[in-house]
C-alpha atoms as a PDB file:
ATOM      1  CA  MET A   1     -12.782  -2.362  17.447  1.00  0.00           C
ATOM      2  CA  LYS A   2      -9.949  -4.468  16.048  1.00  0.00           C
ATOM      3  CA  ILE A   3      -9.284  -4.135  12.329  1.00  0.00           C
ATOM      4  CA  ARG A   4      -9.400  -7.551  10.675  1.00  0.00           C
ATOM      5  CA  LYS A   5     -10.010  -6.647   7.008  1.00  0.00           C
ATOM      6  CA  ALA A   6      -7.772  -4.933   4.462  1.00  0.00           C
ATOM      7  CA  VAL A   7      -8.172  -3.801   0.867  1.00  0.00           C
ATOM      8  CA  ILE A   8      -5.120  -3.618  -1.401  1.00  0.00           C
ATOM      9  CA  THR A   9      -5.621  -1.533  -4.528  1.00  0.00           C
ATOM     10  CA  ALA A  10      -3.711  -3.089  -7.420  1.00  0.00           C
ATOM     11  CA  ALA A  11      -5.684  -2.190 -10.543  1.00  0.00           C
ATOM     12  CA  GLY A  12      -3.519   0.614 -11.942  1.00  0.00           C
ATOM     13  CA  TYR A  13      -1.754   0.434 -15.297  1.00  0.00           C
ATOM     14  CA  GLY A  14       1.783   1.047 -14.025  1.00  0.00           C
ATOM     15  CA  THR A  15       2.595   3.415 -16.883  1.00  0.00           C
ATOM     16  CA  ARG A  16       5.548   4.959 -15.040  1.00  0.00           C
ATOM     17  CA  MET A  17       7.346   1.605 -15.167  1.00  0.00           C
ATOM     18  CA  LEU A  18       6.780   0.730 -18.818  1.00  0.00           C
ATOM     19  CA  PRO A  19       7.886  -1.303 -20.704  1.00  0.00           C
ATOM     20  CA  ALA A  20       8.408  -3.694 -17.760  1.00  0.00           C
ATOM     21  CA  THR A  21       4.733  -3.398 -16.799  1.00  0.00           C
ATOM     22  CA  LYS A  22       3.472  -4.166 -20.300  1.00  0.00           C
ATOM     23  CA  SER A  23       3.287  -7.837 -19.340  1.00  0.00           C
ATOM     24  CA  MET A  24       3.965  -7.762 -15.588  1.00  0.00           C
ATOM     25  CA  PRO A  25       1.877  -5.823 -13.038  1.00  0.00           C
ATOM     26  CA  LYS A  26       3.962  -3.272 -11.156  1.00  0.00           C
ATOM     27  CA  GLU A  27       2.803  -4.944  -7.942  1.00  0.00           C
ATOM     28  CA  MET A  28       4.769  -8.034  -9.033  1.00  0.00           C
ATOM     29  CA  LEU A  29       8.024  -6.175  -9.630  1.00  0.00           C
ATOM     30  CA  PRO A  30      10.588  -7.879  -7.392  1.00  0.00           C
ATOM     31  CA  ILE A  31      12.307  -6.339  -4.413  1.00  0.00           C
ATOM     32  CA  LEU A  32      15.317  -8.662  -4.430  1.00  0.00           C
ATOM     33  CA  ASP A  33      13.586 -12.079  -4.470  1.00  0.00           C
ATOM     34  CA  LYS A  34      10.033 -11.197  -3.449  1.00  0.00           C
ATOM     35  CA  PRO A  35       7.311  -9.307  -5.358  1.00  0.00           C
ATOM     36  CA  ALA A  36       6.288  -5.925  -3.978  1.00  0.00           C
ATOM     37  CA  ILE A  37       2.713  -6.968  -3.237  1.00  0.00           C
ATOM     38  CA  GLN A  38       3.904  -9.819  -1.014  1.00  0.00           C
ATOM     39  CA  TYR A  39       5.562  -7.256   1.260  1.00  0.00           C
ATOM     40  CA  ILE A  40       2.203  -5.471   1.519  1.00  0.00           C
ATOM     41  CA  VAL A  41       0.308  -8.680   2.315  1.00  0.00           C
ATOM     42  CA  GLU A  42       2.914  -9.618   4.924  1.00  0.00           C
ATOM     43  CA  GLU A  43       2.520  -6.167   6.489  1.00  0.00           C
ATOM     44  CA  CYS A  44      -1.208  -6.830   6.864  1.00  0.00           C
ATOM     45  CA  VAL A  45      -0.630 -10.250   8.381  1.00  0.00           C
ATOM     46  CA  SER A  46       1.931  -8.854  10.834  1.00  0.00           C
ATOM     47  CA  ALA A  47      -0.733  -6.383  11.995  1.00  0.00           C
ATOM     48  CA  GLY A  48      -3.184  -9.194  12.783  1.00  0.00           C
ATOM     49  CA  ILE A  49      -5.353  -8.700   9.681  1.00  0.00           C
ATOM     50  CA  THR A  50      -6.886 -11.990   8.550  1.00  0.00           C
ATOM     51  CA  ASP A  51      -9.028 -11.107   5.505  1.00  0.00           C
ATOM     52  CA  ILE A  52      -7.606  -9.342   2.469  1.00  0.00           C
ATOM     53  CA  LEU A  53      -9.304  -8.169  -0.721  1.00  0.00           C
ATOM     54  CA  ILE A  54      -7.039  -7.328  -3.654  1.00  0.00           C
ATOM     55  CA  ILE A  55      -8.586  -5.055  -6.292  1.00  0.00           C
ATOM     56  CA  LEU A  56      -7.338  -6.165  -9.719  1.00  0.00           C
ATOM     57  CA  SER A  57      -7.842  -5.231 -13.349  1.00  0.00           C
ATOM     58  CA  ARG A  58      -7.621  -7.161 -16.615  1.00  0.00           C
ATOM     59  CA  GLY A  59      -4.318  -8.968 -17.146  1.00  0.00           C
ATOM     60  CA  LYS A  60      -3.327  -9.232 -13.484  1.00  0.00           C
ATOM     61  CA  GLN A  61      -4.198 -12.878 -12.851  1.00  0.00           C
ATOM     62  CA  ILE A  62      -0.506 -13.443 -12.148  1.00  0.00           C
ATOM     63  CA  ILE A  63      -1.111 -11.876  -8.719  1.00  0.00           C
ATOM     64  CA  GLU A  64      -3.765 -14.494  -7.976  1.00  0.00           C
ATOM     65  CA  ASP A  65      -1.389 -17.210  -9.157  1.00  0.00           C
ATOM     66  CA  HIS A  66       1.343 -15.957  -6.850  1.00  0.00           C
ATOM     67  CA  PHE A  67      -0.819 -16.336  -3.745  1.00  0.00           C
ATOM     68  CA  ASP A  68      -2.210 -19.707  -4.858  1.00  0.00           C
ATOM     69  CA  ARG A  69      -0.712 -23.160  -4.297  1.00  0.00           C
ATOM     70  CA  SER A  70       1.665 -24.551  -6.937  1.00  0.00           C
ATOM     71  CA  PRO A  71       1.607 -28.335  -6.409  1.00  0.00           C
ATOM     72  CA  ASP A  72       3.914 -29.118  -9.342  1.00  0.00           C
ATOM     73  CA  LEU A  73       6.562 -26.675  -8.122  1.00  0.00           C
ATOM     74  CA  GLU A  74       6.246 -27.908  -4.541  1.00  0.00           C
ATOM     75  CA  ARG A  75       6.607 -31.511  -5.680  1.00  0.00           C
ATOM     76  CA  GLN A  76       9.717 -30.668  -7.716  1.00  0.00           C
ATOM     77  CA  LEU A  77      11.286 -28.807  -4.781  1.00  0.00           C
ATOM     78  CA  ARG A  78      10.709 -31.757  -2.449  1.00  0.00           C
ATOM     79  CA  LYS A  79      12.109 -34.138  -5.066  1.00  0.00           C
ATOM     80  CA  SER A  80      15.230 -31.970  -5.263  1.00  0.00           C
ATOM     81  CA  GLY A  81      15.643 -32.016  -1.485  1.00  0.00           C
ATOM     82  CA  LYS A  82      14.770 -28.328  -1.129  1.00  0.00           C
ATOM     83  CA  ASP A  83      12.291 -28.813   1.698  1.00  0.00           C
ATOM     84  CA  GLY A  84      12.995 -25.428   3.288  1.00  0.00           C
ATOM     85  CA  LEU A  85      12.264 -23.589   0.059  1.00  0.00           C
ATOM     86  CA  CYS A  86       9.157 -25.719  -0.449  1.00  0.00           C
ATOM     87  CA  LYS A  87       7.798 -24.673   2.965  1.00  0.00           C
ATOM     88  CA  LYS A  88       8.546 -21.048   2.145  1.00  0.00           C
ATOM     89  CA  ILE A  89       6.579 -21.295  -1.105  1.00  0.00           C
ATOM     90  CA  LYS A  90       3.631 -23.079   0.532  1.00  0.00           C
ATOM     91  CA  LYS A  91       3.441 -20.428   3.269  1.00  0.00           C
ATOM     92  CA  ILE A  92       2.640 -17.747   0.683  1.00  0.00           C
ATOM     93  CA  SER A  93      -0.756 -19.330  -0.002  1.00  0.00           C
ATOM     94  CA  SER A  94      -1.739 -19.654   3.668  1.00  0.00           C
ATOM     95  CA  MET A  95      -0.785 -16.256   5.116  1.00  0.00           C
ATOM     96  CA  ALA A  96      -4.345 -14.919   5.053  1.00  0.00           C
ATOM     97  CA  ASN A  97      -7.761 -15.390   3.511  1.00  0.00           C
ATOM     98  CA  ILE A  98      -7.182 -13.555   0.235  1.00  0.00           C
ATOM     99  CA  VAL A  99     -10.002 -12.849  -2.215  1.00  0.00           C
ATOM    100  CA  TYR A 100     -10.115 -10.787  -5.391  1.00  0.00           C
ATOM    101  CA  VAL A 101     -12.428  -8.488  -7.304  1.00  0.00           C
ATOM    102  CA  ARG A 102     -11.868  -6.952 -10.728  1.00  0.00           C
ATOM    103  CA  GLN A 103     -12.293  -3.213 -11.223  1.00  0.00           C
ATOM    104  CA  ALA A 104     -13.798  -3.199 -14.715  1.00  0.00           C
ATOM    105  CA  GLU A 105     -12.705   0.374 -15.429  1.00  0.00           C
ATOM    106  CA  GLN A 106      -9.912   2.357 -13.778  1.00  0.00           C
ATOM    107  CA  LEU A 107     -12.053   5.263 -12.577  1.00  0.00           C
ATOM    108  CA  GLY A 108      -9.980   6.401  -9.632  1.00  0.00           C
ATOM    109  CA  LEU A 109      -9.002   5.200  -6.177  1.00  0.00           C
ATOM    110  CA  GLY A 110     -12.421   6.073  -4.769  1.00  0.00           C
ATOM    111  CA  HIS A 111     -14.083   3.854  -7.365  1.00  0.00           C
ATOM    112  CA  ALA A 112     -11.683   1.027  -6.487  1.00  0.00           C
ATOM    113  CA  VAL A 113     -12.567   1.316  -2.797  1.00  0.00           C
ATOM    114  CA  LEU A 114     -16.280   1.254  -3.680  1.00  0.00           C
ATOM    115  CA  CYS A 115     -15.645  -2.192  -5.167  1.00  0.00           C
ATOM    116  CA  ALA A 116     -14.902  -3.369  -1.605  1.00  0.00           C
ATOM    117  CA  LYS A 117     -18.292  -2.448  -0.118  1.00  0.00           C
ATOM    118  CA  SER A 118     -19.591  -6.017   0.116  1.00  0.00           C
ATOM    119  CA  PHE A 119     -16.254  -7.260   1.408  1.00  0.00           C
ATOM    120  CA  ALA A 120     -16.177  -4.678   4.216  1.00  0.00           C
ATOM    121  CA  GLY A 121     -19.559  -5.855   5.441  1.00  0.00           C
ATOM    122  CA  GLY A 122     -20.189  -2.820   7.606  1.00  0.00           C
ATOM    123  CA  GLU A 123     -16.817  -2.999   9.385  1.00  0.00           C
ATOM    124  CA  PRO A 124     -13.969  -0.492   9.419  1.00  0.00           C
ATOM    125  CA  PHE A 125     -11.207  -1.652   7.088  1.00  0.00           C
ATOM    126  CA  ALA A 126      -7.623  -0.866   6.130  1.00  0.00           C
ATOM    127  CA  VAL A 127      -6.656   0.369   2.669  1.00  0.00           C
ATOM    128  CA  LEU A 128      -3.126  -0.151   1.373  1.00  0.00           C
ATOM    129  CA  TYR A 129      -2.047   1.301  -1.970  1.00  0.00           C
ATOM    130  CA  GLY A 130      -0.422  -1.317  -4.195  1.00  0.00           C
ATOM    131  CA  ASP A 131       2.245   1.191  -5.313  1.00  0.00           C
ATOM    132  CA  ASP A 132       3.588   1.754  -1.815  1.00  0.00           C
ATOM    133  CA  VAL A 133       5.805  -0.709   0.021  1.00  0.00           C
ATOM    134  CA  ILE A 134       6.645   0.393   3.561  1.00  0.00           C
ATOM    135  CA  ILE A 135       9.328  -1.565   5.393  1.00  0.00           C
ATOM    136  CA  GLY A 136      10.113  -1.179   9.077  1.00  0.00           C
ATOM    137  CA  GLU A 137      10.289  -3.026  12.379  1.00  0.00           C
ATOM    138  CA  ASP A 138       6.768  -1.882  13.317  1.00  0.00           C
ATOM    139  CA  PRO A 139       4.392  -2.494  10.366  1.00  0.00           C
ATOM    140  CA  ALA A 140       2.940   0.818   9.191  1.00  0.00           C
ATOM    141  CA  ILE A 141      -0.621  -0.494   9.012  1.00  0.00           C
ATOM    142  CA  ALA A 142      -0.285  -1.840  12.569  1.00  0.00           C
ATOM    143  CA  GLN A 143       0.522   1.700  13.731  1.00  0.00           C
ATOM    144  CA  LEU A 144      -2.688   2.912  12.080  1.00  0.00           C
ATOM    145  CA  CYS A 145      -4.694   0.033  13.570  1.00  0.00           C
ATOM    146  CA  ARG A 146      -3.577   0.987  17.070  1.00  0.00           C
ATOM    147  CA  ALA A 147      -4.588   4.590  16.411  1.00  0.00           C
ATOM    148  CA  TYR A 148      -8.033   3.456  15.269  1.00  0.00           C
ATOM    149  CA  GLU A 149      -8.485   1.383  18.421  1.00  0.00           C
ATOM    150  CA  LYS A 150      -7.558   4.458  20.475  1.00  0.00           C
ATOM    151  CA  TYR A 151      -9.468   7.220  18.664  1.00  0.00           C
ATOM    152  CA  GLY A 152     -12.255   5.352  16.832  1.00  0.00           C
ATOM    153  CA  LYS A 153     -12.026   7.641  13.805  1.00  0.00           C
ATOM    154  CA  GLY A 154     -10.837   7.352  10.220  1.00  0.00           C
ATOM    155  CA  ILE A 155      -7.035   7.143  10.129  1.00  0.00           C
ATOM    156  CA  VAL A 156      -4.555   8.150   7.441  1.00  0.00           C
ATOM    157  CA  GLY A 157      -0.839   7.418   7.295  1.00  0.00           C
ATOM    158  CA  ILE A 158       1.009  10.679   6.698  1.00  0.00           C
ATOM    159  CA  LYS A 159       4.557  11.917   6.194  1.00  0.00           C
ATOM    160  CA  GLU A 160       6.058  15.357   5.751  1.00  0.00           C
ATOM    161  CA  VAL A 161       7.178  15.825   2.135  1.00  0.00           C
ATOM    162  CA  SER A 162       8.679  18.579  -0.001  1.00  0.00           C
ATOM    163  CA  ALA A 163       6.600  21.409  -1.487  1.00  0.00           C
ATOM    164  CA  GLU A 164       7.010  19.840  -4.930  1.00  0.00           C
ATOM    165  CA  GLU A 165       5.769  16.464  -3.700  1.00  0.00           C
ATOM    166  CA  VAL A 166       2.839  17.849  -1.736  1.00  0.00           C
ATOM    167  CA  MET A 167       1.498  19.390  -4.957  1.00  0.00           C
ATOM    168  CA  LYS A 168       1.631  15.935  -6.575  1.00  0.00           C
ATOM    169  CA  TYR A 169      -0.096  14.235  -3.629  1.00  0.00           C
ATOM    170  CA  ASP A 170      -2.345  16.083  -1.186  1.00  0.00           C
ATOM    171  CA  SER A 171      -2.091  18.446   1.775  1.00  0.00           C
ATOM    172  CA  MET A 172      -3.483  18.001   5.284  1.00  0.00           C
ATOM    173  CA  LYS A 173      -4.903  20.706   7.563  1.00  0.00           C
ATOM    174  CA  LEU A 174      -3.924  19.386  10.967  1.00  0.00           C
ATOM    175  CA  GLU A 175      -3.029  20.001  14.599  1.00  0.00           C
ATOM    176  CA  ALA A 176      -0.682  17.872  16.702  1.00  0.00           C
ATOM    177  CA  LEU A 177      -2.186  15.579  19.322  1.00  0.00           C
ATOM    178  CA  GLU A 178       0.387  13.175  20.800  1.00  0.00           C
ATOM    179  CA  ASP A 179       2.856  10.414  19.888  1.00  0.00           C
ATOM    180  CA  GLY A 180       3.084  11.348  16.217  1.00  0.00           C
ATOM    181  CA  CYS A 181      -0.701  11.641  15.845  1.00  0.00           C
ATOM    182  CA  PHE A 182      -2.540  14.657  14.431  1.00  0.00           C
ATOM    183  CA  GLU A 183      -6.155  15.740  14.207  1.00  0.00           C
ATOM    184  CA  ILE A 184      -7.098  16.422  10.579  1.00  0.00           C
ATOM    185  CA  THR A 185      -9.960  18.781   9.794  1.00  0.00           C
ATOM    186  CA  ASP A 186      -9.465  19.309   6.070  1.00  0.00           C
ATOM    187  CA  MET A 187      -7.404  18.168   3.083  1.00  0.00           C
ATOM    188  CA  ILE A 188      -6.947  18.971  -0.575  1.00  0.00           C
ATOM    189  CA  GLU A 189      -5.879  16.833  -3.530  1.00  0.00           C
ATOM    190  CA  LYS A 190      -2.922  18.141  -5.611  1.00  0.00           C
ATOM    191  CA  PRO A 191      -3.048  21.689  -4.218  1.00  0.00           C
ATOM    192  CA  LEU A 192      -1.749  24.794  -5.915  1.00  0.00           C
ATOM    193  CA  PRO A 193       0.996  26.579  -3.939  1.00  0.00           C
ATOM    194  CA  GLU A 194      -1.483  29.012  -2.369  1.00  0.00           C
ATOM    195  CA  GLN A 195      -3.797  26.115  -1.341  1.00  0.00           C
ATOM    196  CA  ILE A 196      -1.264  24.134   0.705  1.00  0.00           C
ATOM    197  CA  PHE A 197      -2.383  23.543   4.302  1.00  0.00           C
ATOM    198  CA  SER A 198       0.829  21.823   5.367  1.00  0.00           C
ATOM    199  CA  HIS A 199       3.569  19.638   3.911  1.00  0.00           C
ATOM    200  CA  TYR A 200       1.990  16.502   5.382  1.00  0.00           C
ATOM    201  CA  SER A 201       0.562  14.153   2.741  1.00  0.00           C
ATOM    202  CA  ILE A 202      -1.208  10.796   2.840  1.00  0.00           C
ATOM    203  CA  LEU A 203       1.231   8.107   1.741  1.00  0.00           C
ATOM    204  CA  GLY A 204      -0.242   4.745   0.934  1.00  0.00           C
ATOM    205  CA  ARG A 205      -2.140   3.700   4.075  1.00  0.00           C
ATOM    206  CA  CYS A 206      -5.482   4.482   5.722  1.00  0.00           C
ATOM    207  CA  ILE A 207      -8.236   2.953   7.825  1.00  0.00           C
ATOM    208  CA  LEU A 208     -11.764   3.902   6.885  1.00  0.00           C
ATOM    209  CA  PRO A 209     -15.121   3.537   8.656  1.00  0.00           C
ATOM    210  CA  PRO A 210     -17.986   1.906   6.736  1.00  0.00           C
ATOM    211  CA  GLU A 211     -19.610   5.368   6.352  1.00  0.00           C
ATOM    212  CA  ILE A 212     -17.039   6.098   3.659  1.00  0.00           C
ATOM    213  CA  PHE A 213     -19.122   4.126   1.148  1.00  0.00           C
ATOM    214  CA  ASP A 214     -22.164   6.396   1.536  1.00  0.00           C
ATOM    215  CA  ILE A 215     -19.884   9.408   1.134  1.00  0.00           C
ATOM    216  CA  LEU A 216     -18.237   7.931  -1.970  1.00  0.00           C
ATOM    217  CA  GLU A 217     -21.617   7.205  -3.545  1.00  0.00           C
ATOM    218  CA  GLN A 218     -22.545  10.883  -3.106  1.00  0.00           C
ATOM    219  CA  THR A 219     -19.161  12.254  -4.251  1.00  0.00           C
ATOM    220  CA  PRO A 220     -19.094  13.590  -7.823  1.00  0.00           C
ATOM    221  CA  TYR A 221     -16.562  12.240 -10.296  1.00  0.00           C
ATOM    222  CA  GLY A 222     -13.831  14.763 -10.976  1.00  0.00           C
ATOM    223  CA  LYS A 223     -11.050  15.406 -13.457  1.00  0.00           C
ATOM    224  CA  GLY A 224     -10.629  12.630 -16.010  1.00  0.00           C
ATOM    225  CA  GLY A 225     -13.913  11.065 -14.922  1.00  0.00           C
ATOM    226  CA  GLU A 226     -12.280   9.653 -11.779  1.00  0.00           C
ATOM    227  CA  LEU A 227     -13.723   9.275  -8.281  1.00  0.00           C
ATOM    228  CA  GLN A 228     -11.097  10.486  -5.833  1.00  0.00           C
ATOM    229  CA  LEU A 229     -10.836   8.851  -2.410  1.00  0.00           C
ATOM    230  CA  THR A 230      -9.298  12.079  -1.079  1.00  0.00           C
ATOM    231  CA  ASP A 231     -12.538  13.951  -1.880  1.00  0.00           C
ATOM    232  CA  ALA A 232     -14.522  11.475   0.218  1.00  0.00           C
ATOM    233  CA  MET A 233     -11.993  11.572   3.067  1.00  0.00           C
ATOM    234  CA  LYS A 234     -12.119  15.371   2.953  1.00  0.00           C
ATOM    235  CA  ALA A 235     -15.890  15.187   3.523  1.00  0.00           C
ATOM    236  CA  LEU A 236     -15.301  12.745   6.392  1.00  0.00           C
ATOM    237  CA  ALA A 237     -12.667  15.029   7.947  1.00  0.00           C
ATOM    238  CA  ASN A 238     -14.967  18.046   7.618  1.00  0.00           C
ATOM    239  CA  ARG A 239     -17.775  16.098   9.263  1.00  0.00           C
ATOM    240  CA  GLU A 240     -16.066  14.452  12.238  1.00  0.00           C
ATOM    241  CA  THR A 241     -12.293  14.978  11.788  1.00  0.00           C
ATOM    242  CA  MET A 242      -9.791  12.226  11.038  1.00  0.00           C
ATOM    243  CA  ILE A 243      -6.526  11.186  12.649  1.00  0.00           C
ATOM    244  CA  GLY A 244      -3.179  11.343  10.884  1.00  0.00           C
ATOM    245  CA  VAL A 245      -0.385   8.995  11.966  1.00  0.00           C
ATOM    246  CA  ASP A 246       3.176  10.006  11.111  1.00  0.00           C
ATOM    247  CA  PHE A 247       4.227   6.375  10.690  1.00  0.00           C
ATOM    248  CA  THR A 248       7.716   4.985  11.040  1.00  0.00           C
ATOM    249  CA  GLY A 249       9.343   2.881   8.339  1.00  0.00           C
ATOM    250  CA  THR A 250      10.816   3.467   4.897  1.00  0.00           C
ATOM    251  CA  ARG A 251       8.411   3.961   1.993  1.00  0.00           C
ATOM    252  CA  TYR A 252       9.244   2.806  -1.516  1.00  0.00           C
ATOM    253  CA  ASP A 253       7.150   3.985  -4.460  1.00  0.00           C
ATOM    254  CA  MET A 254       7.135   1.010  -6.835  1.00  0.00           C
ATOM    255  CA  GLY A 255       5.928   3.247  -9.641  1.00  0.00           C
ATOM    256  CA  ASN A 256       9.136   5.261  -9.431  1.00  0.00           C
ATOM    257  CA  LYS A 257      12.232   3.801 -11.085  1.00  0.00           C
ATOM    258  CA  LEU A 258      14.766   5.152  -8.577  1.00  0.00           C
ATOM    259  CA  SER A 259      12.640   4.237  -5.566  1.00  0.00           C
ATOM    260  CA  ALA A 260      12.063   0.687  -6.845  1.00  0.00           C
ATOM    261  CA  LEU A 261      15.788   0.275  -7.498  1.00  0.00           C
ATOM    262  CA  THR A 262      16.616   1.612  -4.036  1.00  0.00           C
ATOM    263  CA  ALA A 263      14.238  -0.909  -2.469  1.00  0.00           C
ATOM    264  CA  SER A 264      16.085  -3.842  -4.059  1.00  0.00           C
ATOM    265  CA  ILE A 265      19.514  -2.492  -3.136  1.00  0.00           C
ATOM    266  CA  GLU A 266      18.544  -1.954   0.497  1.00  0.00           C
ATOM    267  CA  ALA A 267      16.895  -5.376   0.661  1.00  0.00           C
ATOM    268  CA  GLY A 268      20.068  -6.896  -0.780  1.00  0.00           C
ATOM    269  CA  LEU A 269      22.175  -5.197   1.886  1.00  0.00           C
ATOM    270  CA  LYS A 270      20.003  -6.772   4.602  1.00  0.00           C
ATOM    271  CA  ASN A 271      19.921 -10.261   3.105  1.00  0.00           C
ATOM    272  CA  PRO A 272      22.700 -12.549   4.416  1.00  0.00           C
ATOM    273  CA  GLU A 273      22.959 -14.294   1.041  1.00  0.00           C
ATOM    274  CA  THR A 274      23.754 -11.086  -0.841  1.00  0.00           C
ATOM    275  CA  ALA A 275      24.909  -8.498   1.721  1.00  0.00           C
ATOM    276  CA  GLU A 276      28.686  -8.974   1.598  1.00  0.00           C
ATOM    277  CA  GLY A 277      28.935  -9.363  -2.163  1.00  0.00           C
ATOM    278  CA  LEU A 278      26.707  -6.346  -2.742  1.00  0.00           C
ATOM    279  CA  LYS A 279      28.719  -4.211  -0.319  1.00  0.00           C
ATOM    280  CA  GLU A 280      31.929  -5.056  -2.169  1.00  0.00           C
ATOM    281  CA  TYR A 281      30.316  -4.285  -5.513  1.00  0.00           C
ATOM    282  CA  ILE A 282      29.026  -0.906  -4.280  1.00  0.00           C
ATOM    283  CA  LYS A 283      32.477   0.012  -2.912  1.00  0.00           C
ATOM    284  CA  LYS A 284      34.147  -0.815  -6.228  1.00  0.00           C
ATOM    285  CA  LEU A 285      31.465   1.010  -8.183  1.00  0.00           C
ATOM    286  CA  ALA A 286      31.810   4.082  -5.953  1.00  0.00           C
ATOM    287  CA  GLU A 287      35.488   4.344  -6.891  1.00  0.00           C
ATOM    288  CA  GLN A 288      34.481   4.803 -10.528  1.00  0.00           C
ATOM    289  CA  LEU A 289      31.908   7.535  -9.892  1.00  0.00           C
END
């Protein structure tokens, strides 16, 4: 079955990027000249996904505004003879059918996904974490979609990380299949050193069957009163196994200052308007280090 729906979770507080996120959602932090969440939406569109639900929280209406039309701005751009830029701005509002729901309380990623039950409508759906921008020639979520079409099971995007990072994320119990795919039979959230299955962790992307909602509704809330999506996926993996895809592409954690800065620098080096000037600046700066 082809995946046509995606859920982007964007309700978090963004505390790691304060004070910038006091008035601006971290999902709107720019990577060069484009907000992070636009990269995520474009990834969905490139994978053939047509319907997108963005999970928001109070104070994040600016995300809705970004993906809406701006007639006054468009009119001013046309009046100034900037037709190309006007078309670029208009395209943002027509990339996909984007709808929104507000998560009234931030009670964990599992709770956020539960907010998408009506939107999913009994279909399998993609989940993309609003913190994680993944840039590459082959969209990461497209790689997961192809795996779902092949295996027909829940899919998670995984990468091998350091021992320190795996204890911050989660650890997968897995066996290699083929072409960068693994069969996952168990997982654990934020493991202690003696609980680590492997150094493979879920990083920002998954495709879930509609059964995940029944599992989430039966999953107890854990530490901090939060409902963890990993706990529900663990139950799914124990029941019927899941598939892990070691995706290609570069991941940027927009809740991490160095990672967010790196994303803008690398985007600037690829942009023809900024590449040469930025290269010269970096060379001069390197001489002073």
